[in-house]
C-alpha atoms as a PDB file:
ATOM      1  CA  MET A   1     100.903-133.834-149.998  1.00  0.00           C
ATOM      2  CA  THR A   2      98.803-135.156-146.867  1.00  0.00           C
ATOM      3  CA  SER A   3      97.516-138.403-147.032  1.00  0.00           C
ATOM      4  CA  MET A   4      94.643-139.578-145.427  1.00  0.00           C
ATOM      5  CA  CYS A   5      92.494-142.180-144.329  1.00  0.00           C
ATOM      6  CA  HIS A   6      89.258-143.278-141.852  1.00  0.00           C
ATOM      7  CA  ILE A   7      88.894-146.250-139.287  1.00  0.00           C
ATOM      8  CA  PRO A   8      86.168-147.423-137.840  1.00  0.00           C
ATOM      9  CA  SER A   9      86.021-147.488-134.074  1.00  0.00           C
ATOM     10  CA  PRO A  10      84.099-147.804-130.825  1.00  0.00           C
ATOM     11  CA  LEU A  11      84.349-144.417-130.561  1.00  0.00           C
ATOM     12  CA  GLY A  12      82.595-144.318-134.338  1.00  0.00           C
ATOM     13  CA  MET A  13      84.688-142.705-137.400  1.00  0.00           C
ATOM     14  CA  LEU A  14      87.969-142.116-137.126  1.00  0.00           C
ATOM     15  CA  THR A  15      89.754-139.379-139.696  1.00  0.00           C
ATOM     16  CA  LEU A  16      93.870-139.677-139.595  1.00  0.00           C
ATOM     17  CA  SER A  17      95.889-137.554-141.361  1.00  0.00           C
ATOM     18  CA  ALA A  18     100.042-137.559-142.224  1.00  0.00           C
ATOM     19  CA  GLU A  19     102.252-135.697-143.939  1.00  0.00           C
ATOM     20  CA  GLY A  20     105.909-137.887-145.291  1.00  0.00           C
ATOM     21  CA  GLU A  21     106.318-140.650-142.588  1.00  0.00           C
ATOM     22  CA  ALA A  22     104.261-139.113-139.755  1.00  0.00           C
ATOM     23  CA  ILE A  23     100.993-138.890-138.559  1.00  0.00           C
ATOM     24  CA  THR A  24      98.882-134.820-138.689  1.00  0.00           C
ATOM     25  CA  GLY A  25      95.699-135.586-137.892  1.00  0.00           C
ATOM     26  CA  LEU A  26      93.069-138.240-135.706  1.00  0.00           C
ATOM     27  CA  TRP A  27      90.381-136.809-135.109  1.00  0.00           C
ATOM     28  CA  LEU A  28      87.160-138.220-133.641  1.00  0.00           C
ATOM     29  CA  GLU A  29      83.902-137.664-135.475  1.00  0.00           C
ATOM     30  CA  ASN A  30      81.689-135.221-134.689  1.00  0.00           C
ATOM     31  CA  GLN A  31      84.647-133.717-132.541  1.00  0.00           C
ATOM     32  CA  LYS A  32      84.952-129.387-132.150  1.00  0.00           C
ATOM     33  CA  TYR A  33      87.868-128.188-134.217  1.00  0.00           C
ATOM     34  CA  PHE A  34      87.489-131.648-136.167  1.00  0.00           C
ATOM     35  CA  GLY A  35      90.265-131.403-138.804  1.00  0.00           C
ATOM     36  CA  SER A  36      91.485-127.882-138.059  1.00  0.00           C
ATOM     37  CA  THR A  37      95.026-128.276-139.165  1.00  0.00           C
ATOM     38  CA  LEU A  38      94.638-130.091-142.601  1.00  0.00           C
ATOM     39  CA  PRO A  39      95.616-128.265-145.663  1.00  0.00           C
ATOM     40  CA  LEU A  40      92.745-127.757-148.655  1.00  0.00           C
ATOM     41  CA  GLN A  41      95.004-130.561-150.494  1.00  0.00           C
ATOM     42  CA  THR A  42      94.257-134.172-149.404  1.00  0.00           C
ATOM     43  CA  LYS A  43      95.094-137.866-150.652  1.00  0.00           C
ATOM     44  CA  MET A  44      92.693-140.554-149.703  1.00  0.00           C
ATOM     45  CA  GLU A  45      95.071-143.182-149.230  1.00  0.00           C
ATOM     46  CA  GLU A  46      96.562-145.504-146.619  1.00  0.00           C
ATOM     47  CA  THR A  47     100.418-144.699-146.714  1.00  0.00           C
ATOM     48  CA  PRO A  48     102.541-146.700-144.046  1.00  0.00           C
ATOM     49  CA  VAL A  49     103.032-144.179-141.191  1.00  0.00           C
ATOM     50  CA  LEU A  50      98.522-144.502-141.184  1.00  0.00           C
ATOM     51  CA  ARG A  51      98.519-148.458-141.412  1.00  0.00           C
ATOM     52  CA  GLN A  52     100.967-148.318-138.606  1.00  0.00           C
ATOM     53  CA  ALA A  53      98.958-146.367-137.041  1.00  0.00           C
ATOM     54  CA  SER A  54      95.495-147.523-137.324  1.00  0.00           C
ATOM     55  CA  LEU A  55      97.333-150.873-135.730  1.00  0.00           C
ATOM     56  CA  TRP A  56      98.592-149.073-132.785  1.00  0.00           C
ATOM     57  CA  LEU A  57      94.114-147.986-132.540  1.00  0.00           C
ATOM     58  CA  GLU A  58      93.824-151.337-133.289  1.00  0.00           C
ATOM     59  CA  ARG A  59      95.666-152.448-129.928  1.00  0.00           C
ATOM     60  CA  TYR A  60      95.154-149.642-127.757  1.00  0.00           C
ATOM     61  CA  PHE A  61      91.146-150.664-128.514  1.00  0.00           C
ATOM     62  CA  SER A  62      91.195-154.094-127.444  1.00  0.00           C
ATOM     63  CA  GLY A  63      92.275-152.611-124.117  1.00  0.00           C
ATOM     64  CA  LYS A  64      95.590-153.242-123.942  1.00  0.00           C
ATOM     65  CA  ASP A  65      98.705-150.526-123.373  1.00  0.00           C
ATOM     66  CA  PRO A  66      99.751-149.937-127.581  1.00  0.00           C
ATOM     67  CA  GLY A  67     103.142-149.016-127.126  1.00  0.00           C
ATOM     68  CA  PRO A  68     104.874-146.675-128.484  1.00  0.00           C
ATOM     69  CA  ALA A  69     103.091-143.582-130.496  1.00  0.00           C
ATOM     70  CA  PRO A  70     104.210-144.227-134.506  1.00  0.00           C
ATOM     71  CA  GLN A  71     105.735-140.332-135.363  1.00  0.00           C
ATOM     72  CA  LEU A  72     103.923-137.656-134.680  1.00  0.00           C
ATOM     73  CA  ALA A  73     104.219-134.231-135.994  1.00  0.00           C
ATOM     74  CA  PRO A  74     101.314-131.647-134.787  1.00  0.00           C
ATOM     75  CA  GLN A  75     100.869-128.382-136.212  1.00  0.00           C
ATOM     76  CA  GLY A  76     100.560-125.617-133.335  1.00  0.00           C
ATOM     77  CA  SER A  77     102.298-122.786-132.022  1.00  0.00           C
ATOM     78  CA  ALA A  78     105.567-123.190-129.197  1.00  0.00           C
ATOM     79  CA  PHE A  79     102.949-122.843-126.632  1.00  0.00           C
ATOM     80  CA  ARG A  80     101.363-125.847-127.533  1.00  0.00           C
ATOM     81  CA  GLN A  81     103.914-127.286-129.197  1.00  0.00           C
ATOM     82  CA  ALA A  82     105.334-127.977-125.101  1.00  0.00           C
ATOM     83  CA  VAL A  83     101.622-129.042-123.791  1.00  0.00           C
ATOM     84  CA  TRP A  84     101.104-131.836-126.233  1.00  0.00           C
ATOM     85  CA  ALA A  85     104.590-133.303-125.340  1.00  0.00           C
ATOM     86  CA  LEU A  86     103.814-133.314-121.648  1.00  0.00           C
ATOM     87  CA  LEU A  87     100.724-134.747-122.378  1.00  0.00           C
ATOM     88  CA  GLN A  88     102.557-137.733-124.489  1.00  0.00           C
ATOM     89  CA  GLU A  89     104.832-138.666-121.255  1.00  0.00           C
ATOM     90  CA  ILE A  90     101.247-139.295-119.556  1.00  0.00           C
ATOM     91  CA  PRO A  91     101.291-142.983-118.696  1.00  0.00           C
ATOM     92  CA  TYR A  92      99.090-145.219-120.142  1.00  0.00           C
ATOM     93  CA  GLY A  93      95.987-145.808-117.649  1.00  0.00           C
ATOM     94  CA  LYS A  94      97.474-143.028-115.481  1.00  0.00           C
ATOM     95  CA  ILE A  95      95.853-139.536-115.310  1.00  0.00           C
ATOM     96  CA  THR A  96      96.631-135.832-114.843  1.00  0.00           C
ATOM     97  CA  THR A  97      95.411-132.054-113.997  1.00  0.00           C
ATOM     98  CA  TYR A  98      95.538-128.839-116.001  1.00  0.00           C
ATOM     99  CA  GLY A  99      96.852-126.981-112.864  1.00  0.00           C
ATOM    100  CA  ALA A 100     100.253-130.207-113.096  1.00  0.00           C
ATOM    101  CA  LEU A 101     100.312-129.490-116.974  1.00  0.00           C
ATOM    102  CA  THR A 102     100.523-125.685-115.692  1.00  0.00           C
ATOM    103  CA  LYS A 103     103.929-126.368-112.968  1.00  0.00           C
ATOM    104  CA  GLN A 104     105.632-128.462-115.065  1.00  0.00           C
ATOM    105  CA  LEU A 105     105.669-126.130-118.093  1.00  0.00           C
ATOM    106  CA  ARG A 106     106.784-123.384-115.298  1.00  0.00           C
ATOM    107  CA  SER A 107     109.566-125.708-114.302  1.00  0.00           C
ATOM    108  CA  ARG A 108     110.646-125.908-117.618  1.00  0.00           C
ATOM    109  CA  GLY A 109     110.982-122.039-117.682  1.00  0.00           C
ATOM    110  CA  ILE A 110     107.508-122.358-119.866  1.00  0.00           C
ATOM    111  CA  ALA A 111     104.870-119.202-118.858  1.00  0.00           C
ATOM    112  CA  ALA A 112     101.923-121.321-118.419  1.00  0.00           C
ATOM    113  CA  SER A 113      98.405-120.852-116.688  1.00  0.00           C
ATOM    114  CA  PRO A 114      95.960-123.410-116.436  1.00  0.00           C
ATOM    115  CA  GLN A 115      93.754-121.985-118.708  1.00  0.00           C
ATOM    116  CA  ALA A 116      96.034-121.609-122.040  1.00  0.00           C
ATOM    117  CA  VAL A 117      97.141-125.692-120.924  1.00  0.00           C
ATOM    118  CA  GLY A 118      93.395-126.175-121.723  1.00  0.00           C
ATOM    119  CA  GLY A 119      93.291-124.450-124.316  1.00  0.00           C
ATOM    120  CA  ALA A 120      96.012-126.522-126.362  1.00  0.00           C
ATOM    121  CA  VAL A 121      94.568-128.979-124.730  1.00  0.00           C
ATOM    122  CA  GLY A 122      91.189-128.837-126.170  1.00  0.00           C
ATOM    123  CA  HIS A 123      93.557-128.149-129.567  1.00  0.00           C
ATOM    124  CA  ASN A 124      94.918-131.531-129.965  1.00  0.00           C
ATOM    125  CA  PRO A 125      95.493-132.068-133.491  1.00  0.00           C
ATOM    126  CA  ILE A 126      95.958-135.798-132.877  1.00  0.00           C
ATOM    127  CA  SER A 127      93.469-137.483-130.225  1.00  0.00           C
ATOM    128  CA  ILE A 128      94.460-140.513-129.182  1.00  0.00           C
ATOM    129  CA  LEU A 129      97.844-140.481-129.838  1.00  0.00           C
ATOM    130  CA  ILE A 130      98.550-137.464-128.093  1.00  0.00           C
ATOM    131  CA  PRO A 131      96.576-138.451-124.469  1.00  0.00           C
ATOM    132  CA  CYS A 132      94.821-135.464-123.964  1.00  0.00           C
ATOM    133  CA  HIS A 133      91.771-137.681-122.132  1.00  0.00           C
ATOM    134  CA  ARG A 134      93.908-137.937-119.791  1.00  0.00           C
ATOM    135  CA  VAL A 135      94.318-134.706-118.111  1.00  0.00           C
ATOM    136  CA  VAL A 136      91.216-133.944-115.169  1.00  0.00           C
ATOM    137  CA  GLY A 137      90.268-130.667-113.512  1.00  0.00           C
ATOM    138  CA  SER A 138      92.114-130.328-110.340  1.00  0.00           C
ATOM    139  CA  GLY A 139      88.792-131.218-108.689  1.00  0.00           C
ATOM    140  CA  GLY A 140      88.209-134.149-110.414  1.00  0.00           C
ATOM    141  CA  SER A 141      86.180-133.230-113.012  1.00  0.00           C
ATOM    142  CA  LEU A 142      86.204-134.847-116.698  1.00  0.00           C
ATOM    143  CA  THR A 143      86.246-131.888-118.210  1.00  0.00           C
ATOM    144  CA  GLY A 144      87.299-130.422-121.272  1.00  0.00           C
ATOM    145  CA  TYR A 145      87.145-133.335-124.468  1.00  0.00           C
ATOM    146  CA  ALA A 146      87.093-131.786-127.727  1.00  0.00           C
ATOM    147  CA  GLY A 147      85.536-135.298-128.373  1.00  0.00           C
ATOM    148  CA  GLY A 148      82.582-135.191-125.592  1.00  0.00           C
ATOM    149  CA  ILE A 149      82.733-136.172-122.011  1.00  0.00           C
ATOM    150  CA  GLU A 150      81.055-139.622-122.850  1.00  0.00           C
ATOM    151  CA  LYS A 151      84.415-140.588-125.414  1.00  0.00           C
ATOM    152  CA  LYS A 152      86.591-139.399-122.775  1.00  0.00           C
ATOM    153  CA  ARG A 153      85.370-141.499-120.011  1.00  0.00           C
ATOM    154  CA  PHE A 154      85.094-144.308-122.518  1.00  0.00           C
ATOM    155  CA  LEU A 155      88.435-144.368-123.207  1.00  0.00           C
ATOM    156  CA  LEU A 156      89.902-144.084-119.920  1.00  0.00           C
ATOM    157  CA  GLU A 157      87.916-147.254-119.134  1.00  0.00           C
ATOM    158  CA  LEU A 158      89.544-149.058-121.430  1.00  0.00           C
ATOM    159  CA  GLU A 159      92.978-148.243-120.070  1.00  0.00           C
ATOM    160  CA  GLY A 160      91.877-149.103-116.652  1.00  0.00           C
ATOM    161  CA  VAL A 161      91.831-146.012-115.002  1.00  0.00           C
ATOM    162  CA  ASP A 162      90.174-145.882-111.590  1.00  0.00           C
ATOM    163  CA  LEU A 163      86.907-143.354-111.872  1.00  0.00           C
ATOM    164  CA  THR A 164      86.068-142.996-108.252  1.00  0.00           C
ATOM    165  CA  GLY A 165      86.107-139.524-107.429  1.00  0.00           C
ATOM    166  CA  LEU A 166      85.989-137.921-111.326  1.00  0.00           C
ATOM    167  CA  TYR A 167      82.823-136.501-112.245  1.00  0.00           C
ATOM    168  CA  THR A 168      81.302-135.524-115.323  1.00  0.00           C
ATOM    169  CA  PRO A 169      80.398-131.886-114.762  1.00  0.00           C
ATOM    170  CA  THR A 170      76.876-130.472-115.058  1.00  0.00           C
ATOM    171  CA  ARG A 171      77.743-126.712-116.104  1.00  0.00           C
ATOM    172  CA  GLY A 172      80.604-125.015-117.724  1.00  0.00           C
ATOM    173  CA  THR A 173      81.856-123.838-120.788  1.00  0.00           C
ATOM    174  CA  ALA A 174      83.700-126.663-121.143  1.00  0.00           C
ATOM    175  CA  LEU A 175      81.553-129.749-121.220  1.00  0.00           C
END
């Protein structure tokens, strides 16, 4: 059975889910695709892995590199799994682009386009722990964060990312 808990954060209430000893979801309040991978049967309880994730998030929101994330088990296609694995390789306080991720996937023999990568990044079911907020457009656009651009900016600032040259788009489908 899937276990869930809610924890407060500077970004609003967060919802965490876990199966056994692995985190399966972390959603920001009102984000796109909220709870998209949650099964119908869930139980509100704080398990050891949910407590571990809560402590990780507490360190993270205090502005410190929290170190390795708890065990994660996002649910998705093989392509999305490959993208999410790459996201976990982006160091704390660093950013990359959709194009760079696409090149990395292709170098590993995985057919990819920046648009397909963007789709996988946008459907990341474990926000923050799988740091999709660290991906920006090739021109410095802060586009495409399911939790909202201002929350993405907040997370990058919290990590000490130099936002010089990054901007919030005024048009587009990924706002």
